[in-house]
N, C-alpha and C. Protein backbone atom coordinates (compact mmCIF):
# COMPACT_ATOMS: atom_id res chain seq x y z
N MET A 1 98.53 108.76 64.58
CA MET A 1 97.69 107.66 65.03
C MET A 1 98.10 106.40 64.27
N LEU A 2 98.30 105.34 64.99
CA LEU A 2 98.58 104.04 64.40
C LEU A 2 97.26 103.33 64.17
N VAL A 3 97.02 102.86 62.97
CA VAL A 3 95.80 102.13 62.64
C VAL A 3 96.17 100.68 62.39
N ILE A 4 95.53 99.78 63.14
CA ILE A 4 95.85 98.35 63.06
C ILE A 4 94.57 97.58 62.78
N GLY A 5 94.59 96.72 61.79
CA GLY A 5 93.46 95.83 61.54
C GLY A 5 93.66 94.53 62.32
N ARG A 6 92.64 94.11 63.02
CA ARG A 6 92.69 92.87 63.78
C ARG A 6 91.39 92.12 63.57
N GLU A 7 91.43 90.83 63.70
CA GLU A 7 90.23 89.99 63.63
C GLU A 7 89.85 89.55 65.03
N VAL A 8 88.63 89.06 65.18
CA VAL A 8 88.17 88.58 66.48
C VAL A 8 89.15 87.57 67.03
N GLY A 9 89.51 87.74 68.29
CA GLY A 9 90.44 86.83 68.97
C GLY A 9 91.88 87.30 68.93
N GLU A 10 92.19 88.24 68.05
CA GLU A 10 93.57 88.72 67.96
C GLU A 10 93.83 89.81 69.01
N VAL A 11 95.10 89.98 69.35
CA VAL A 11 95.51 90.86 70.44
C VAL A 11 96.48 91.93 69.95
N ILE A 12 96.37 93.11 70.55
CA ILE A 12 97.34 94.19 70.34
C ILE A 12 98.07 94.38 71.66
N ALA A 13 99.39 94.40 71.64
CA ALA A 13 100.19 94.62 72.84
C ALA A 13 100.64 96.08 72.87
N ILE A 14 100.31 96.79 73.96
CA ILE A 14 100.74 98.17 74.13
C ILE A 14 102.15 98.19 74.70
N ASP A 15 102.39 97.37 75.68
CA ASP A 15 103.72 97.11 76.22
C ASP A 15 103.66 95.71 76.81
N GLU A 16 104.61 95.35 77.64
CA GLU A 16 104.58 93.99 78.18
C GLU A 16 103.45 93.77 79.17
N HIS A 17 102.79 94.84 79.64
CA HIS A 17 101.76 94.72 80.66
C HIS A 17 100.34 95.00 80.18
N ILE A 18 100.18 95.63 79.02
CA ILE A 18 98.85 96.03 78.55
C ILE A 18 98.54 95.33 77.23
N LYS A 19 97.42 94.61 77.22
CA LYS A 19 96.99 93.88 76.03
C LYS A 19 95.53 94.23 75.74
N VAL A 20 95.22 94.40 74.45
CA VAL A 20 93.87 94.69 74.00
C VAL A 20 93.46 93.58 73.04
N LYS A 21 92.38 92.88 73.38
CA LYS A 21 91.92 91.75 72.56
C LYS A 21 90.58 92.11 71.93
N VAL A 22 90.43 91.82 70.64
CA VAL A 22 89.16 92.02 69.96
C VAL A 22 88.27 90.83 70.33
N LEU A 23 87.14 91.14 71.00
CA LEU A 23 86.24 90.07 71.45
C LEU A 23 85.14 89.78 70.43
N SER A 24 84.60 90.85 69.83
CA SER A 24 83.55 90.64 68.84
C SER A 24 83.39 91.89 67.98
N VAL A 25 82.82 91.68 66.81
CA VAL A 25 82.48 92.78 65.91
C VAL A 25 81.06 92.50 65.43
N GLU A 26 80.15 93.44 65.72
CA GLU A 26 78.76 93.32 65.29
C GLU A 26 78.35 94.63 64.65
N GLY A 27 78.28 94.66 63.33
CA GLY A 27 77.96 95.90 62.64
C GLY A 27 79.04 96.93 62.89
N ASN A 28 78.65 98.08 63.45
CA ASN A 28 79.60 99.16 63.75
C ASN A 28 80.15 99.09 65.16
N VAL A 29 79.84 98.03 65.91
CA VAL A 29 80.26 97.92 67.31
C VAL A 29 81.38 96.89 67.44
N VAL A 30 82.48 97.33 68.02
CA VAL A 30 83.61 96.44 68.29
C VAL A 30 83.76 96.33 69.79
N ARG A 31 83.80 95.11 70.32
CA ARG A 31 83.99 94.90 71.76
C ARG A 31 85.43 94.47 72.00
N PHE A 32 86.09 95.17 72.95
CA PHE A 32 87.47 94.89 73.30
C PHE A 32 87.54 94.37 74.72
N GLY A 33 88.52 93.54 74.99
CA GLY A 33 88.89 93.17 76.34
C GLY A 33 90.27 93.77 76.59
N ILE A 34 90.43 94.43 77.73
CA ILE A 34 91.70 95.09 78.03
C ILE A 34 92.29 94.49 79.30
N SER A 35 93.52 94.01 79.20
CA SER A 35 94.25 93.50 80.37
C SER A 35 95.34 94.50 80.71
N ALA A 36 95.29 94.99 81.94
CA ALA A 36 96.29 95.96 82.40
C ALA A 36 96.45 95.80 83.90
N PRO A 37 97.60 96.16 84.44
CA PRO A 37 97.77 96.11 85.90
C PRO A 37 96.75 97.02 86.58
N ARG A 38 96.35 96.68 87.79
CA ARG A 38 95.34 97.44 88.53
C ARG A 38 95.71 98.90 88.71
N GLU A 39 97.00 99.20 88.79
CA GLU A 39 97.41 100.59 89.03
C GLU A 39 97.26 101.47 87.78
N ILE A 40 96.94 100.88 86.65
CA ILE A 40 96.71 101.64 85.42
C ILE A 40 95.21 101.77 85.21
N GLU A 41 94.71 103.01 85.22
CA GLU A 41 93.29 103.24 85.01
C GLU A 41 92.97 103.18 83.52
N VAL A 42 91.87 102.51 83.20
CA VAL A 42 91.42 102.40 81.82
C VAL A 42 89.99 102.91 81.78
N HIS A 43 89.73 103.93 80.95
CA HIS A 43 88.40 104.53 80.84
C HIS A 43 88.05 104.76 79.38
N ARG A 44 86.74 104.76 79.09
CA ARG A 44 86.29 105.24 77.79
C ARG A 44 86.58 106.73 77.74
N ALA A 45 86.78 107.29 76.54
CA ALA A 45 87.18 108.69 76.39
C ALA A 45 86.20 109.64 77.05
N GLU A 46 84.89 109.41 76.90
CA GLU A 46 83.90 110.32 77.49
C GLU A 46 83.93 110.29 79.01
N ILE A 47 84.23 109.16 79.60
CA ILE A 47 84.35 109.06 81.06
C ILE A 47 85.63 109.76 81.52
N TYR A 48 86.71 109.55 80.81
CA TYR A 48 87.97 110.20 81.15
C TYR A 48 87.83 111.72 81.12
N ARG A 49 87.12 112.22 80.10
CA ARG A 49 86.88 113.66 79.99
C ARG A 49 86.14 114.19 81.22
N ARG A 50 85.13 113.46 81.69
CA ARG A 50 84.39 113.87 82.90
C ARG A 50 85.29 113.88 84.13
N ILE A 51 86.15 112.88 84.23
CA ILE A 51 87.08 112.81 85.37
C ILE A 51 88.00 114.02 85.37
N VAL A 52 88.55 114.35 84.21
CA VAL A 52 89.45 115.50 84.08
C VAL A 52 88.72 116.80 84.42
N GLU A 53 87.49 116.94 83.92
CA GLU A 53 86.70 118.14 84.22
C GLU A 53 86.43 118.26 85.71
N GLN A 54 86.11 117.15 86.36
CA GLN A 54 85.84 117.18 87.80
C GLN A 54 87.09 117.51 88.59
N LEU A 55 88.21 116.96 88.19
CA LEU A 55 89.47 117.28 88.86
C LEU A 55 89.81 118.75 88.73
N ALA A 56 89.54 119.32 87.55
CA ALA A 56 89.79 120.75 87.34
C ALA A 56 88.90 121.60 88.23
N LYS A 57 87.62 121.21 88.36
CA LYS A 57 86.68 121.93 89.24
C LYS A 57 87.15 121.86 90.69
N ASP A 58 87.55 120.66 91.12
CA ASP A 58 87.99 120.46 92.51
C ASP A 58 89.26 121.23 92.82
N ALA A 59 90.11 121.42 91.81
CA ALA A 59 91.37 122.12 92.01
C ALA A 59 91.15 123.63 92.10
N GLY A 60 90.01 124.07 91.62
CA GLY A 60 89.76 125.42 91.89
C GLY A 60 89.43 126.44 90.97
């Protein structure tokens, strides 16, 4: 795991198409803005887990 410290307003580049910007930090809550092409799905981990579970159920 890569650990990067950033301040509000700073950006992390995943590649030339995906950018993550720190919008705010309030206590233990960090708000990010994510820019990615529409064809790339971006989900919180708990939502992604539900999607994977549902796909597994649908597959059989």
